[in-house]
Amino acid sequence: MSPTRFETTINAIKQGAKALTVEKAVSNIEGWEDYLSKHDHDGVKRVVTDLGKLKKLLHADKLDGEAIKTLLHKMGKETVAVAGDEKTAGAGHIKELGEALSSAA
């Protein structure tokens, strides 16, 4: 996984909801779903499932801000858990992404 995907996503999360249109957010989610679906790890599978839920929430006629915040917080915790205690560069990016998701909630 390219650090660029992590950086782009983290920056968008830190900038807040107005940083991405729904279409761009969904496109980003689909890119993550595609990438993560190739990994056979229970934690990753939970994140992929939640990405699908997030996409559904974003496609709703009326956005449910509380449901989105709750899901982002859950995804943040799950993402940090996937990173574990590893000290590799990839784990660092995963943890940073998870922390950004949690703080966005």
PDB file of N, CA and C in Angstrom:
ATOM      1  N   MET A   1       0.850  -1.172   0.000  1.00  0.00           N
ATOM      2  CA  MET A   1       0.000   0.000   0.000  1.00  0.00           C
ATOM      3  C   MET A   1       0.884   1.220   0.000  1.00  0.00           C
ATOM      4  N   SER A   2       0.590   2.097  -0.881  1.00  0.00           N
ATOM      5  CA  SER A   2       1.337   3.332  -1.012  1.00  0.00           C
ATOM      6  C   SER A   2       1.057   4.263   0.165  1.00  0.00           C
ATOM      7  N   PRO A   3       2.105   4.892   0.703  1.00  0.00           N
ATOM      8  CA  PRO A   3       1.874   5.867   1.773  1.00  0.00           C
ATOM      9  C   PRO A   3       0.971   7.008   1.308  1.00  0.00           C
ATOM     10  N   THR A   4       0.922   7.241   0.000  1.00  0.00           N
ATOM     11  CA  THR A   4       0.103   8.323  -0.532  1.00  0.00           C
ATOM     12  C   THR A   4      -1.374   8.100  -0.217  1.00  0.00           C
ATOM     13  N   ARG A   5      -1.865   6.851  -0.347  1.00  0.00           N
ATOM     14  CA  ARG A   5      -3.277   6.583  -0.028  1.00  0.00           C
ATOM     15  C   ARG A   5      -3.535   6.894   1.446  1.00  0.00           C
ATOM     16  N   PHE A   6      -2.625   6.492   2.315  1.00  0.00           N
ATOM     17  CA  PHE A   6      -2.782   6.794   3.738  1.00  0.00           C
ATOM     18  C   PHE A   6      -2.813   8.300   3.950  1.00  0.00           C
ATOM     19  N   GLU A   7      -1.826   9.001   3.380  1.00  0.00           N
ATOM     20  CA  GLU A   7      -1.713  10.450   3.577  1.00  0.00           C
ATOM     21  C   GLU A   7      -2.938  11.178   3.048  1.00  0.00           C
ATOM     22  N   THR A   8      -3.410  10.799   1.868  1.00  0.00           N
ATOM     23  CA  THR A   8      -4.581  11.442   1.275  1.00  0.00           C
ATOM     24  C   THR A   8      -5.796  11.257   2.168  1.00  0.00           C
ATOM     25  N   THR A   9      -5.986  10.035   2.648  1.00  0.00           N
ATOM     26  CA  THR A   9      -7.138   9.747   3.494  1.00  0.00           C
ATOM     27  C   THR A   9      -7.028  10.453   4.831  1.00  0.00           C
ATOM     28  N   ILE A  10      -5.865  10.400   5.452  1.00  0.00           N
ATOM     29  CA  ILE A  10      -5.664  11.043   6.748  1.00  0.00           C
ATOM     30  C   ILE A  10      -5.873  12.549   6.632  1.00  0.00           C
ATOM     31  N   ASN A  11      -5.318  13.160   5.595  1.00  0.00           N
ATOM     32  CA  ASN A  11      -5.490  14.604   5.408  1.00  0.00           C
ATOM     33  C   ASN A  11      -6.954  14.967   5.220  1.00  0.00           C
ATOM     34  N   ALA A  12      -7.676  14.184   4.442  1.00  0.00           N
ATOM     35  CA  ALA A  12      -9.099  14.452   4.223  1.00  0.00           C
ATOM     36  C   ALA A  12      -9.875  14.333   5.530  1.00  0.00           C
ATOM     37  N   ILE A  13      -9.552  13.323   6.324  1.00  0.00           N
ATOM     38  CA  ILE A  13     -10.238  13.134   7.613  1.00  0.00           C
ATOM     39  C   ILE A  13      -9.950  14.314   8.535  1.00  0.00           C
ATOM     40  N   LYS A  14      -8.713  14.740   8.588  1.00  0.00           N
ATOM     41  CA  LYS A  14      -8.334  15.843   9.467  1.00  0.00           C
ATOM     42  C   LYS A  14      -8.960  17.168   9.033  1.00  0.00           C
ATOM     43  N   GLN A  15      -9.212  17.326   7.729  1.00  0.00           N
ATOM     44  CA  GLN A  15      -9.826  18.556   7.234  1.00  0.00           C
ATOM     45  C   GLN A  15     -11.327  18.589   7.499  1.00  0.00           C
ATOM     46  N   GLY A  16     -11.898  17.446   7.768  1.00  0.00           N
ATOM     47  CA  GLY A  16     -13.309  17.401   8.108  1.00  0.00           C
ATOM     48  C   GLY A  16     -14.199  17.065   6.931  1.00  0.00           C
ATOM     49  N   ALA A  17     -15.484  17.047   7.209  1.00  0.00           N
ATOM     50  CA  ALA A  17     -16.488  16.596   6.245  1.00  0.00           C
ATOM     51  C   ALA A  17     -16.483  17.400   4.952  1.00  0.00           C
ATOM     52  N   LYS A  18     -16.110  18.638   5.020  1.00  0.00           N
ATOM     53  CA  LYS A  18     -16.160  19.472   3.814  1.00  0.00           C
ATOM     54  C   LYS A  18     -14.971  19.248   2.883  1.00  0.00           C
ATOM     55  N   ALA A  19     -13.998  18.448   3.316  1.00  0.00           N
ATOM     56  CA  ALA A  19     -12.804  18.208   2.504  1.00  0.00           C
ATOM     57  C   ALA A  19     -13.103  17.341   1.290  1.00  0.00           C
ATOM     58  N   LEU A  20     -14.103  16.485   1.394  1.00  0.00           N
ATOM     59  CA  LEU A  20     -14.437  15.573   0.308  1.00  0.00           C
ATOM     60  C   LEU A  20     -15.925  15.660  -0.011  1.00  0.00           C
ATOM     61  N   THR A  21     -16.249  15.603  -1.277  1.00  0.00           N
ATOM     62  CA  THR A  21     -17.642  15.436  -1.651  1.00  0.00           C
ATOM     63  C   THR A  21     -18.027  14.000  -1.330  1.00  0.00           C
ATOM     64  N   VAL A  22     -19.310  13.724  -1.308  1.00  0.00           N
ATOM     65  CA  VAL A  22     -19.758  12.357  -1.063  1.00  0.00           C
ATOM     66  C   VAL A  22     -19.171  11.433  -2.128  1.00  0.00           C
ATOM     67  N   GLU A  23     -19.153  11.892  -3.369  1.00  0.00           N
ATOM     68  CA  GLU A  23     -18.629  11.067  -4.456  1.00  0.00           C
ATOM     69  C   GLU A  23     -17.155  10.741  -4.249  1.00  0.00           C
ATOM     70  N   LYS A  24     -16.374  11.730  -3.844  1.00  0.00           N
ATOM     71  CA  LYS A  24     -14.949  11.487  -3.607  1.00  0.00           C
ATOM     72  C   LYS A  24     -14.738  10.596  -2.386  1.00  0.00           C
ATOM     73  N   ALA A  25     -15.550  10.795  -1.361  1.00  0.00           N
ATOM     74  CA  ALA A  25     -15.440   9.951  -0.178  1.00  0.00           C
ATOM     75  C   ALA A  25     -15.764   8.497  -0.525  1.00  0.00           C
ATOM     76  N   VAL A  26     -16.820   8.299  -1.304  1.00  0.00           N
ATOM     77  CA  VAL A  26     -17.213   6.949  -1.700  1.00  0.00           C
ATOM     78  C   VAL A  26     -16.129   6.324  -2.573  1.00  0.00           C
ATOM     79  N   SER A  27     -15.546   7.099  -3.462  1.00  0.00           N
ATOM     80  CA  SER A  27     -14.463   6.592  -4.310  1.00  0.00           C
ATOM     81  C   SER A  27     -13.272   6.160  -3.447  1.00  0.00           C
ATOM     82  N   ASN A  28     -12.954   6.969  -2.443  1.00  0.00           N
ATOM     83  CA  ASN A  28     -11.863   6.624  -1.532  1.00  0.00           C
ATOM     84  C   ASN A  28     -12.203   5.348  -0.765  1.00  0.00           C
ATOM     85  N   ILE A  29     -13.428   5.249  -0.279  1.00  0.00           N
ATOM     86  CA  ILE A  29     -13.870   4.050   0.442  1.00  0.00           C
ATOM     87  C   ILE A  29     -13.749   2.825  -0.450  1.00  0.00           C
ATOM     88  N   GLU A  30     -14.181   2.939  -1.683  1.00  0.00           N
ATOM     89  CA  GLU A  30     -14.116   1.802  -2.605  1.00  0.00           C
ATOM     90  C   GLU A  30     -12.683   1.378  -2.886  1.00  0.00           C
ATOM     91  N   GLY A  31     -11.774   2.342  -2.945  1.00  0.00           N
ATOM     92  CA  GLY A  31     -10.362   2.007  -3.107  1.00  0.00           C
ATOM     93  C   GLY A  31      -9.838   1.210  -1.918  1.00  0.00           C
ATOM     94  N   TRP A  32     -10.231   1.632  -0.706  1.00  0.00           N
ATOM     95  CA  TRP A  32      -9.836   0.898   0.494  1.00  0.00           C
ATOM     96  C   TRP A  32     -10.473  -0.484   0.520  1.00  0.00           C
ATOM     97  N   GLU A  33     -11.761  -0.568   0.151  1.00  0.00           N
ATOM     98  CA  GLU A  33     -12.427  -1.875   0.124  1.00  0.00           C
ATOM     99  C   GLU A  33     -11.697  -2.825  -0.815  1.00  0.00           C
ATOM    100  N   ASP A  34     -11.341  -2.325  -1.977  1.00  0.00           N
ATOM    101  CA  ASP A  34     -10.644  -3.154  -2.962  1.00  0.00           C
ATOM    102  C   ASP A  34      -9.302  -3.633  -2.402  1.00  0.00           C
ATOM    103  N   TYR A  35      -8.542  -2.732  -1.836  1.00  0.00           N
ATOM    104  CA  TYR A  35      -7.232  -3.077  -1.294  1.00  0.00           C
ATOM    105  C   TYR A  35      -7.360  -4.044  -0.109  1.00  0.00           C
ATOM    106  N   LEU A  36      -8.228  -3.719   0.829  1.00  0.00           N
ATOM    107  CA  LEU A  36      -8.333  -4.509   2.054  1.00  0.00           C
ATOM    108  C   LEU A  36      -8.979  -5.871   1.835  1.00  0.00           C
ATOM    109  N   SER A  37      -9.814  -5.985   0.824  1.00  0.00           N
ATOM    110  CA  SER A  37     -10.488  -7.268   0.579  1.00  0.00           C
ATOM    111  C   SER A  37      -9.505  -8.370   0.184  1.00  0.00           C
ATOM    112  N   LYS A  38      -8.289  -7.999  -0.147  1.00  0.00           N
ATOM    113  CA  LYS A  38      -7.261  -8.967  -0.527  1.00  0.00           C
ATOM    114  C   LYS A  38      -6.515  -9.516   0.688  1.00  0.00           C
ATOM    115  N   HIS A  39      -6.873  -9.050   1.876  1.00  0.00           N
ATOM    116  CA  HIS A  39      -6.184  -9.461   3.101  1.00  0.00           C
ATOM    117  C   HIS A  39      -7.098 -10.338   3.950  1.00  0.00           C
ATOM    118  N   ASP A  40      -6.551 -11.455   4.384  1.00  0.00           N
ATOM    119  CA  ASP A  40      -7.319 -12.418   5.161  1.00  0.00           C
ATOM    120  C   ASP A  40      -6.964 -12.277   6.645  1.00  0.00           C
ATOM    121  N   HIS A  41      -7.537 -11.272   7.263  1.00  0.00           N
ATOM    122  CA  HIS A  41      -7.285 -10.977   8.670  1.00  0.00           C
ATOM    123  C   HIS A  41      -8.623 -10.550   9.262  1.00  0.00           C
ATOM    124  N   ASP A  42      -9.000 -11.127  10.396  1.00  0.00           N
ATOM    125  CA  ASP A  42     -10.311 -10.839  10.981  1.00  0.00           C
ATOM    126  C   ASP A  42     -10.537  -9.351  11.209  1.00  0.00           C
ATOM    127  N   GLY A  43      -9.539  -8.659  11.725  1.00  0.00           N
ATOM    128  CA  GLY A  43      -9.672  -7.225  11.966  1.00  0.00           C
ATOM    129  C   GLY A  43      -9.898  -6.454  10.687  1.00  0.00           C
ATOM    130  N   VAL A  44      -9.193  -6.834   9.645  1.00  0.00           N
ATOM    131  CA  VAL A  44      -9.347  -6.170   8.353  1.00  0.00           C
ATOM    132  C   VAL A  44     -10.740  -6.443   7.793  1.00  0.00           C
ATOM    133  N   LYS A  45     -11.224  -7.663   7.970  1.00  0.00           N
ATOM    134  CA  LYS A  45     -12.568  -8.000   7.483  1.00  0.00           C
ATOM    135  C   LYS A  45     -13.633  -7.143   8.165  1.00  0.00           C
ATOM    136  N   ARG A  46     -13.459  -6.876   9.453  1.00  0.00           N
ATOM    137  CA  ARG A  46     -14.407  -6.012  10.167  1.00  0.00           C
ATOM    138  C   ARG A  46     -14.364  -4.594   9.602  1.00  0.00           C
ATOM    139  N   VAL A  47     -13.174  -4.104   9.306  1.00  0.00           N
ATOM    140  CA  VAL A  47     -13.045  -2.767   8.743  1.00  0.00           C
ATOM    141  C   VAL A  47     -13.718  -2.706   7.364  1.00  0.00           C
ATOM    142  N   VAL A  48     -13.532  -3.730   6.547  1.00  0.00           N
ATOM    143  CA  VAL A  48     -14.158  -3.763   5.218  1.00  0.00           C
ATOM    144  C   VAL A  48     -15.682  -3.747   5.360  1.00  0.00           C
ATOM    145  N   THR A  49     -16.205  -4.525   6.299  1.00  0.00           N
ATOM    146  CA  THR A  49     -17.652  -4.533   6.541  1.00  0.00           C
ATOM    147  C   THR A  49     -18.131  -3.142   6.934  1.00  0.00           C
ATOM    148  N   ASP A  50     -17.382  -2.480   7.811  1.00  0.00           N
ATOM    149  CA  ASP A  50     -17.762  -1.141   8.248  1.00  0.00           C
ATOM    150  C   ASP A  50     -17.612  -0.105   7.143  1.00  0.00           C
ATOM    151  N   LEU A  51     -16.656  -0.303   6.247  1.00  0.00           N
ATOM    152  CA  LEU A  51     -16.549   0.600   5.097  1.00  0.00           C
ATOM    153  C   LEU A  51     -17.823   0.521   4.250  1.00  0.00           C
ATOM    154  N   GLY A  52     -18.344  -0.678   4.094  1.00  0.00           N
ATOM    155  CA  GLY A  52     -19.596  -0.845   3.365  1.00  0.00           C
ATOM    156  C   GLY A  52     -20.741  -0.124   4.058  1.00  0.00           C
ATOM    157  N   LYS A  53     -20.777  -0.219   5.382  1.00  0.00           N
ATOM    158  CA  LYS A  53     -21.809   0.483   6.160  1.00  0.00           C
ATOM    159  C   LYS A  53     -21.666   2.000   6.008  1.00  0.00           C
ATOM    160  N   LEU A  54     -20.425   2.478   6.032  1.00  0.00           N
ATOM    161  CA  LEU A  54     -20.178   3.906   5.878  1.00  0.00           C
ATOM    162  C   LEU A  54     -20.634   4.382   4.507  1.00  0.00           C
ATOM    163  N   LYS A  55     -20.320   3.604   3.505  1.00  0.00           N
ATOM    164  CA  LYS A  55     -20.730   3.968   2.143  1.00  0.00           C
ATOM    165  C   LYS A  55     -22.256   4.070   2.072  1.00  0.00           C
ATOM    166  N   LYS A  56     -22.941   3.133   2.686  1.00  0.00           N
ATOM    167  CA  LYS A  56     -24.407   3.141   2.695  1.00  0.00           C
ATOM    168  C   LYS A  56     -24.934   4.391   3.407  1.00  0.00           C
ATOM    169  N   LEU A  57     -24.320   4.733   4.542  1.00  0.00           N
ATOM    170  CA  LEU A  57     -24.730   5.937   5.268  1.00  0.00           C
ATOM    171  C   LEU A  57     -24.520   7.197   4.425  1.00  0.00           C
ATOM    172  N   LEU A  58     -23.441   7.234   3.661  1.00  0.00           N
ATOM    173  CA  LEU A  58     -23.146   8.405   2.840  1.00  0.00           C
ATOM    174  C   LEU A  58     -24.088   8.524   1.641  1.00  0.00           C
ATOM    175  N   HIS A  59     -24.665   7.412   1.217  1.00  0.00           N
ATOM    176  CA  HIS A  59     -25.600   7.415   0.095  1.00  0.00           C
ATOM    177  C   HIS A  59     -27.044   7.698   0.515  1.00  0.00           C
ATOM    178  N   ALA A  60     -27.282   7.807   1.810  1.00  0.00           N
ATOM    179  CA  ALA A  60     -28.637   8.039   2.300  1.00  0.00           C
ATOM    180  C   ALA A  60     -29.144   9.404   1.834  1.00  0.00           C
ATOM    181  N   ASP A  61     -30.462   9.506   1.675  1.00  0.00           N
ATOM    182  CA  ASP A  61     -31.060  10.779   1.272  1.00  0.00           C
ATOM    183  C   ASP A  61     -30.765  11.880   2.279  1.00  0.00           C
ATOM    184  N   LYS A  62     -30.790  11.503   3.564  1.00  0.00           N
ATOM    185  CA  LYS A  62     -30.455  12.451   4.625  1.00  0.00           C
ATOM    186  C   LYS A  62     -29.336  11.843   5.457  1.00  0.00           C
ATOM    187  N   LEU A  63     -28.216  12.540   5.548  1.00  0.00           N
ATOM    188  CA  LEU A  63     -27.072  12.028   6.300  1.00  0.00           C
ATOM    189  C   LEU A  63     -27.381  11.992   7.788  1.00  0.00           C
ATOM    190  N   ASP A  64     -27.020  10.896   8.427  1.00  0.00           N
ATOM    191  CA  ASP A  64     -27.187  10.717   9.859  1.00  0.00           C
ATOM    192  C   ASP A  64     -25.829  10.934  10.504  1.00  0.00           C
ATOM    193  N   GLY A  65     -25.572  12.180  10.898  1.00  0.00           N
ATOM    194  CA  GLY A  65     -24.271  12.549  11.447  1.00  0.00           C
ATOM    195  C   GLY A  65     -23.854  11.730  12.649  1.00  0.00           C
ATOM    196  N   GLU A  66     -24.795  11.432  13.537  1.00  0.00           N
ATOM    197  CA  GLU A  66     -24.464  10.649  14.729  1.00  0.00           C
ATOM    198  C   GLU A  66     -24.065   9.220  14.369  1.00  0.00           C
ATOM    199  N   ALA A  67     -24.794   8.611  13.437  1.00  0.00           N
ATOM    200  CA  ALA A  67     -24.462   7.241  13.010  1.00  0.00           C
ATOM    201  C   ALA A  67     -23.092   7.214  12.339  1.00  0.00           C
ATOM    202  N   ILE A  68     -22.802   8.236  11.541  1.00  0.00           N
ATOM    203  CA  ILE A  68     -21.504   8.318  10.864  1.00  0.00           C
ATOM    204  C   ILE A  68     -20.387   8.478  11.897  1.00  0.00           C
ATOM    205  N   LYS A  69     -20.573   9.371  12.863  1.00  0.00           N
ATOM    206  CA  LYS A  69     -19.559   9.581  13.904  1.00  0.00           C
ATOM    207  C   LYS A  69     -19.318   8.310  14.701  1.00  0.00           C
ATOM    208  N   THR A  70     -20.399   7.628  15.066  1.00  0.00           N
ATOM    209  CA  THR A  70     -20.270   6.388  15.836  1.00  0.00           C
ATOM    210  C   THR A  70     -19.494   5.342  15.045  1.00  0.00           C
ATOM    211  N   LEU A  71     -19.818   5.218  13.763  1.00  0.00           N
ATOM    212  CA  LEU A  71     -19.137   4.241  12.913  1.00  0.00           C
ATOM    213  C   LEU A  71     -17.668   4.614  12.717  1.00  0.00           C
ATOM    214  N   LEU A  72     -17.374   5.898  12.509  1.00  0.00           N
ATOM    215  CA  LEU A  72     -15.978   6.328  12.349  1.00  0.00           C
ATOM    216  C   LEU A  72     -15.166   6.012  13.602  1.00  0.00           C
ATOM    217  N   HIS A  73     -15.761   6.248  14.763  1.00  0.00           N
ATOM    218  CA  HIS A  73     -15.063   5.955  16.014  1.00  0.00           C
ATOM    219  C   HIS A  73     -14.769   4.455  16.114  1.00  0.00           C
ATOM    220  N   LYS A  74     -15.764   3.627  15.806  1.00  0.00           N
ATOM    221  CA  LYS A  74     -15.588   2.177  15.833  1.00  0.00           C
ATOM    222  C   LYS A  74     -14.496   1.754  14.852  1.00  0.00           C
ATOM    223  N   MET A  75     -14.537   2.313  13.650  1.00  0.00           N
ATOM    224  CA  MET A  75     -13.539   1.973  12.632  1.00  0.00           C
ATOM    225  C   MET A  75     -12.146   2.406  13.072  1.00  0.00           C
ATOM    226  N   GLY A  76     -12.065   3.546  13.736  1.00  0.00           N
ATOM    227  CA  GLY A  76     -10.768   4.010  14.231  1.00  0.00           C
ATOM    228  C   GLY A  76     -10.169   3.030  15.219  1.00  0.00           C
ATOM    229  N   LYS A  77     -10.984   2.568  16.163  1.00  0.00           N
ATOM    230  CA  LYS A  77     -10.503   1.605  17.153  1.00  0.00           C
ATOM    231  C   LYS A  77     -10.093   0.296  16.483  1.00  0.00           C
ATOM    232  N   GLU A  78     -10.911  -0.160  15.526  1.00  0.00           N
ATOM    233  CA  GLU A  78     -10.594  -1.406  14.817  1.00  0.00           C
ATOM    234  C   GLU A  78      -9.301  -1.274  14.016  1.00  0.00           C
ATOM    235  N   THR A  79      -9.116  -0.122  13.394  1.00  0.00           N
ATOM    236  CA  THR A  79      -7.937   0.103  12.560  1.00  0.00           C
ATOM    237  C   THR A  79      -6.672   0.140  13.416  1.00  0.00           C
ATOM    238  N   VAL A  80      -6.731   0.808  14.555  1.00  0.00           N
ATOM    239  CA  VAL A  80      -5.584   0.831  15.468  1.00  0.00           C
ATOM    240  C   VAL A  80      -5.283  -0.592  15.937  1.00  0.00           C
ATOM    241  N   ALA A  81      -6.314  -1.374  16.214  1.00  0.00           N
ATOM    242  CA  ALA A  81      -6.117  -2.755  16.653  1.00  0.00           C
ATOM    243  C   ALA A  81      -5.436  -3.591  15.569  1.00  0.00           C
ATOM    244  N   VAL A  82      -5.769  -3.336  14.311  1.00  0.00           N
ATOM    245  CA  VAL A  82      -5.135  -4.059  13.204  1.00  0.00           C
ATOM    246  C   VAL A  82      -3.640  -3.754  13.178  1.00  0.00           C
ATOM    247  N   ALA A  83      -3.282  -2.502  13.459  1.00  0.00           N
ATOM    248  CA  ALA A  83      -1.859  -2.119  13.454  1.00  0.00           C
ATOM    249  C   ALA A  83      -1.102  -2.851  14.555  1.00  0.00           C
ATOM    250  N   GLY A  84      -1.776  -3.098  15.662  1.00  0.00           N
ATOM    251  CA  GLY A  84      -1.139  -3.804  16.771  1.00  0.00           C
ATOM    252  C   GLY A  84       0.052  -3.038  17.320  1.00  0.00           C
ATOM    253  N   ASP A  85       1.017  -3.766  17.814  1.00  0.00           N
ATOM    254  CA  ASP A  85       2.214  -3.168  18.408  1.00  0.00           C
ATOM    255  C   ASP A  85       3.408  -3.197  17.465  1.00  0.00           C
ATOM    256  N   GLU A  86       3.150  -3.524  16.218  1.00  0.00           N
ATOM    257  CA  GLU A  86       4.261  -3.606  15.261  1.00  0.00           C
ATOM    258  C   GLU A  86       4.908  -2.241  15.075  1.00  0.00           C
ATOM    259  N   LYS A  87       6.156  -2.267  14.740  1.00  0.00           N
ATOM    260  CA  LYS A  87       6.923  -1.029  14.556  1.00  0.00           C
ATOM    261  C   LYS A  87       7.277  -0.784  13.087  1.00  0.00           C
ATOM    262  N   THR A  88       6.647  -1.506  12.171  1.00  0.00           N
ATOM    263  CA  THR A  88       6.947  -1.313  10.763  1.00  0.00           C
ATOM    264  C   THR A  88       6.312  -0.023  10.268  1.00  0.00           C
ATOM    265  N   ALA A  89       6.793   0.481   9.131  1.00  0.00           N
ATOM    266  CA  ALA A  89       6.246   1.710   8.556  1.00  0.00           C
ATOM    267  C   ALA A  89       4.763   1.539   8.253  1.00  0.00           C
ATOM    268  N   GLY A  90       4.403   0.384   7.713  1.00  0.00           N
ATOM    269  CA  GLY A  90       3.005   0.132   7.388  1.00  0.00           C
ATOM    270  C   GLY A  90       2.122   0.178   8.617  1.00  0.00           C
ATOM    271  N   ALA A  91       2.593  -0.405   9.710  1.00  0.00           N
ATOM    272  CA  ALA A  91       1.819  -0.402  10.951  1.00  0.00           C
ATOM    273  C   ALA A  91       1.659   1.027  11.470  1.00  0.00           C
ATOM    274  N   GLY A  92       2.690   1.819  11.312  1.00  0.00           N
ATOM    275  CA  GLY A  92       2.621   3.220  11.739  1.00  0.00           C
ATOM    276  C   GLY A  92       1.564   3.986  10.971  1.00  0.00           C
ATOM    277  N   HIS A  93       1.495   3.768   9.654  1.00  0.00           N
ATOM    278  CA  HIS A  93       0.479   4.421   8.833  1.00  0.00           C
ATOM    279  C   HIS A  93      -0.920   3.953   9.219  1.00  0.00           C
ATOM    280  N   ILE A  94      -1.056   2.660   9.474  1.00  0.00           N
ATOM    281  CA  ILE A  94      -2.356   2.098   9.848  1.00  0.00           C
ATOM    282  C   ILE A  94      -2.817   2.701  11.173  1.00  0.00           C
ATOM    283  N   LYS A  95      -1.913   2.774  12.132  1.00  0.00           N
ATOM    284  CA  LYS A  95      -2.252   3.341  13.436  1.00  0.00           C
ATOM    285  C   LYS A  95      -2.632   4.810  13.303  1.00  0.00           C
ATOM    286  N   GLU A  96      -1.878   5.559  12.509  1.00  0.00           N
ATOM    287  CA  GLU A  96      -2.173   6.979  12.318  1.00  0.00           C
ATOM    288  C   GLU A  96      -3.548   7.164  11.676  1.00  0.00           C
ATOM    289  N   LEU A  97      -3.880   6.318  10.722  1.00  0.00           N
ATOM    290  CA  LEU A  97      -5.191   6.378  10.080  1.00  0.00           C
ATOM    291  C   LEU A  97      -6.290   6.084  11.102  1.00  0.00           C
ATOM    292  N   GLY A  98      -6.094   5.053  11.906  1.00  0.00           N
ATOM    293  CA  GLY A  98      -7.064   4.722  12.933  1.00  0.00           C
ATOM    294  C   GLY A  98      -7.273   5.845  13.925  1.00  0.00           C
ATOM    295  N   GLU A  99      -6.192   6.484  14.343  1.00  0.00           N
ATOM    296  CA  GLU A  99      -6.285   7.596  15.275  1.00  0.00           C
ATOM    297  C   GLU A  99      -7.020   8.773  14.649  1.00  0.00           C
ATOM    298  N   ALA A 100      -6.788   9.015  13.360  1.00  0.00           N
ATOM    299  CA  ALA A 100      -7.489  10.100  12.660  1.00  0.00           C
ATOM    300  C   ALA A 100      -8.980   9.806  12.589  1.00  0.00           C
ATOM    301  N   LEU A 101      -9.327   8.558  12.310  1.00  0.00           N
ATOM    302  CA  LEU A 101     -10.745   8.171  12.275  1.00  0.00           C
ATOM    303  C   LEU A 101     -11.398   8.382  13.634  1.00  0.00           C
ATOM    304  N   SER A 102     -10.721   7.946  14.685  1.00  0.00           N
ATOM    305  CA  SER A 102     -11.273   8.102  16.039  1.00  0.00           C
ATOM    306  C   SER A 102     -11.446   9.562  16.414  1.00  0.00           C
ATOM    307  N   SER A 103     -10.494  10.388  16.071  1.00  0.00           N
ATOM    308  CA  SER A 103     -10.586  11.805  16.441  1.00  0.00           C
ATOM    309  C   SER A 103     -11.601  12.554  15.590  1.00  0.00           C
ATOM    310  N   ALA A 104     -11.926  12.037  14.423  1.00  0.00           N
ATOM    311  CA  ALA A 104     -12.917  12.671  13.571  1.00  0.00           C
ATOM    312  C   ALA A 104     -14.329  12.432  14.094  1.00  0.00           C
ATOM    313  N   ALA A 105     -14.479  11.418  14.898  1.00  0.00           N
ATOM    314  CA  ALA A 105     -15.816  11.034  15.378  1.00  0.00           C
ATOM    315  C   ALA A 105     -16.329  11.972  16.440  1.00  0.00           C
TER     316      ALA A 105
END
